[in-house]
């Protein structure tokens, strides 16, 4: 539980930043009208009724409830996992807290709006990455940290010593 107490603020910060930027995007941007910010970076208000990369976006509405249920189950699972961490597992706690904050940020949209607000558009020449948001970014960074933590933890948890014949 101590590791979770140390990272609750991270999940909260992701949720607040995500919801705040989505509010600004809806307030200041016009639907599907890109606003250039930097080369290869636009702000573009769009809505996603599906999951990642608009998976099942055109499924007719039932996917809202599927993704809401999945999001709730994942969030509950992450909270349970975070509560069981040891105080020394700070890197893992940070990764899980980022994923949890992102999941809840998108869950809020899905619950209230039936869709997720996306507004960040990255592109190169004619290749466009699907629009995303702060919650998606937090989930991605958290997942990368999760992978790195598993790699680093795997190395340090099984040290070879000369006595082992290594």
Protein backbone atom coordinates (compact mmCIF):
# COMPACT_ATOMS: atom_id res chain seq x y z
CA UNK A 1 0.00 0.00 0.00
CA UNK A 2 2.92 2.37 0.63
CA UNK A 3 3.94 2.38 -3.04
CA UNK A 4 0.38 3.37 -4.05
CA UNK A 5 0.29 6.22 -1.52
CA UNK A 6 3.44 7.58 -3.11
CA UNK A 7 1.91 7.62 -6.62
CA UNK A 8 -1.75 8.55 -6.15
CA UNK A 9 -0.88 12.11 -7.11
CA UNK A 10 0.47 10.90 -10.47
CA UNK A 11 -2.84 9.27 -11.45
CA UNK A 12 -4.69 12.34 -10.22
CA UNK A 13 -2.43 14.71 -12.17
CA UNK A 14 -2.95 12.70 -15.37
CA UNK A 15 -6.74 12.80 -14.90
CA UNK A 16 -6.81 16.56 -14.21
CA UNK A 17 -4.43 17.39 -17.08
CA UNK A 18 -6.31 15.09 -19.45
CA UNK A 19 -9.75 16.45 -18.62
CA UNK A 20 -8.51 20.06 -18.60
CA UNK A 21 -6.90 19.78 -22.02
CA UNK A 22 -9.97 18.03 -23.43
CA UNK A 23 -12.15 20.86 -22.13
CA UNK A 24 -9.86 23.40 -23.78
CA UNK A 25 -9.84 21.42 -27.02
CA UNK A 26 -13.63 21.35 -27.14
CA UNK A 27 -13.84 25.03 -26.22
CA UNK A 28 -11.14 26.43 -28.51
CA UNK A 29 -10.98 24.08 -31.49
CA UNK A 30 -13.40 23.49 -34.35
CA UNK A 31 -14.23 19.87 -35.16
CA UNK A 32 -11.87 18.46 -37.81
CA UNK A 33 -10.17 21.82 -38.46
CA UNK A 34 -6.42 21.33 -37.86
CA UNK A 35 -4.51 24.09 -36.09
CA UNK A 36 -0.80 23.89 -36.97
CA UNK A 37 1.45 24.19 -33.90
CA UNK A 38 4.82 22.94 -35.14
CA UNK A 39 5.97 21.15 -38.26
CA UNK A 40 4.39 17.67 -38.08
CA UNK A 41 2.18 18.61 -35.10
CA UNK A 42 -1.40 19.90 -35.20
CA UNK A 43 -4.20 20.33 -32.74
CA UNK A 44 -7.27 18.66 -34.21
CA UNK A 45 -10.54 18.12 -32.37
CA UNK A 46 -12.04 14.73 -33.10
CA UNK A 47 -14.05 12.09 -31.26
CA UNK A 48 -13.41 8.37 -31.02
CA UNK A 49 -16.31 6.04 -30.27
CA UNK A 50 -14.01 3.03 -30.57
CA UNK A 51 -10.82 1.97 -28.86
CA UNK A 52 -7.21 2.47 -29.92
CA UNK A 53 -6.87 3.42 -33.59
CA UNK A 54 -10.70 3.74 -33.72
CA UNK A 55 -11.10 -0.04 -33.35
CA UNK A 56 -14.85 -0.81 -33.49
CA UNK A 57 -15.70 2.90 -33.93
CA UNK A 58 -18.46 2.11 -36.40
CA UNK A 59 -19.96 -0.80 -34.48
CA UNK A 60 -23.30 0.87 -33.77
CA UNK A 61 -23.04 1.93 -30.11
CA UNK A 62 -22.72 -1.33 -28.17
CA UNK A 63 -18.94 -0.85 -28.06
CA UNK A 64 -19.40 2.08 -25.64
CA UNK A 65 -20.61 -0.33 -22.96
CA UNK A 66 -17.95 -2.91 -23.80
CA UNK A 67 -15.13 -0.36 -23.49
CA UNK A 68 -16.69 1.17 -20.38
CA UNK A 69 -16.81 -2.28 -18.74
CA UNK A 70 -13.30 -3.17 -19.83
CA UNK A 71 -12.00 0.20 -18.64
CA UNK A 72 -13.63 -0.29 -15.25
CA UNK A 73 -12.23 -3.81 -14.88
CA UNK A 74 -8.73 -2.69 -15.89
CA UNK A 75 -8.88 0.28 -13.51
CA UNK A 76 -9.98 -1.91 -10.61
CA UNK A 77 -7.25 -4.42 -11.45
CA UNK A 78 -4.63 -1.65 -11.52
CA UNK A 79 -5.79 -0.31 -8.15
CA UNK A 80 -5.57 -3.78 -6.61
CA UNK A 81 -2.11 -4.29 -8.15
CA UNK A 82 -0.93 -0.90 -6.89
CA UNK A 83 -2.19 -1.60 -3.38
CA UNK A 84 -0.21 -4.86 -3.26
CA UNK A 85 3.13 -3.35 -4.28
CA UNK A 86 6.01 -3.15 -1.88
CA UNK A 87 7.41 0.30 -0.98
CA UNK A 88 10.60 -0.40 -2.97
CA UNK A 89 8.64 -0.94 -6.20
CA UNK A 90 8.48 2.77 -7.02
CA UNK A 91 9.19 2.44 -10.74
CA UNK A 92 6.45 -0.14 -11.16
CA UNK A 93 4.07 2.00 -9.08
CA UNK A 94 4.74 5.03 -11.31
CA UNK A 95 4.10 2.97 -14.46
CA UNK A 96 0.82 1.59 -13.11
CA UNK A 97 -0.25 5.03 -11.82
CA UNK A 98 0.24 6.53 -15.30
CA UNK A 99 -1.79 3.74 -16.90
CA UNK A 100 -4.50 4.09 -14.24
CA UNK A 101 -4.74 7.87 -14.69
CA UNK A 102 -5.00 7.49 -18.46
CA UNK A 103 -7.58 4.73 -18.21
CA UNK A 104 -9.75 6.80 -15.86
CA UNK A 105 -9.34 9.92 -18.02
CA UNK A 106 -10.71 8.09 -21.07
CA UNK A 107 -13.30 6.28 -18.93
CA UNK A 108 -14.72 9.65 -17.83
CA UNK A 109 -15.19 10.67 -21.48
CA UNK A 110 -16.75 7.37 -22.41
CA UNK A 111 -19.15 7.46 -19.43
CA UNK A 112 -20.27 11.08 -19.91
CA UNK A 113 -20.03 11.50 -23.68
CA UNK A 114 -20.12 7.99 -25.11
CA UNK A 115 -16.86 8.75 -26.92
CA UNK A 116 -13.32 9.88 -26.21
CA UNK A 117 -12.11 13.38 -27.09
CA UNK A 118 -8.87 13.35 -29.10
CA UNK A 119 -6.98 16.47 -30.15
CA UNK A 120 -3.27 15.77 -30.72
CA UNK A 121 -2.30 15.01 -34.30
CA UNK A 122 1.21 13.95 -35.33
CA UNK A 123 2.12 13.52 -38.98
CA UNK A 124 5.00 13.26 -41.42
CA UNK A 125 4.41 14.36 -44.98
CA UNK A 126 1.26 12.40 -45.93
CA UNK A 127 1.45 9.88 -43.09
CA UNK A 128 -0.85 10.75 -40.15
CA UNK A 129 -0.84 9.01 -36.80
CA UNK A 130 -4.41 8.67 -35.42
CA UNK A 131 -5.33 11.60 -33.16
CA UNK A 132 -4.86 10.99 -29.45
CA UNK A 133 -4.99 12.76 -26.08
CA UNK A 134 -3.11 13.15 -22.78
CA UNK A 135 -4.70 9.99 -21.31
CA UNK A 136 -3.51 7.95 -24.31
CA UNK A 137 -0.02 9.41 -23.87
CA UNK A 138 0.04 8.52 -20.16
CA UNK A 139 -1.06 4.96 -20.93
CA UNK A 140 1.67 4.64 -23.58
CA UNK A 141 4.42 6.03 -21.32
CA UNK A 142 3.18 3.86 -18.44
CA UNK A 143 3.22 0.75 -20.64
CA UNK A 144 6.78 1.51 -21.77
CA UNK A 145 7.86 1.99 -18.15
CA UNK A 146 6.14 -1.30 -17.29
CA UNK A 147 8.17 -3.12 -19.94
CA UNK A 148 11.40 -1.41 -18.84
CA UNK A 149 10.66 -2.24 -15.20
CA UNK A 150 10.12 -5.89 -16.05
CA UNK A 151 13.44 -5.94 -17.91
CA UNK A 152 15.33 -4.16 -15.13
CA UNK A 153 13.65 -6.18 -12.37
CA UNK A 154 14.40 -9.42 -14.19
CA UNK A 155 18.09 -8.59 -14.23
CA UNK A 156 18.36 -7.48 -10.62
CA UNK A 157 16.18 -10.25 -9.13
CA UNK A 158 18.37 -13.06 -10.45
CA UNK A 159 21.97 -11.94 -9.95
CA UNK A 160 24.71 -14.40 -10.86
CA UNK A 161 27.50 -14.74 -8.37
CA UNK A 162 30.85 -16.50 -8.77
CA UNK A 163 29.62 -19.12 -6.29
CA UNK A 164 26.86 -20.04 -8.78
CA UNK A 165 29.45 -20.97 -11.35
CA UNK A 166 28.70 -18.00 -13.56
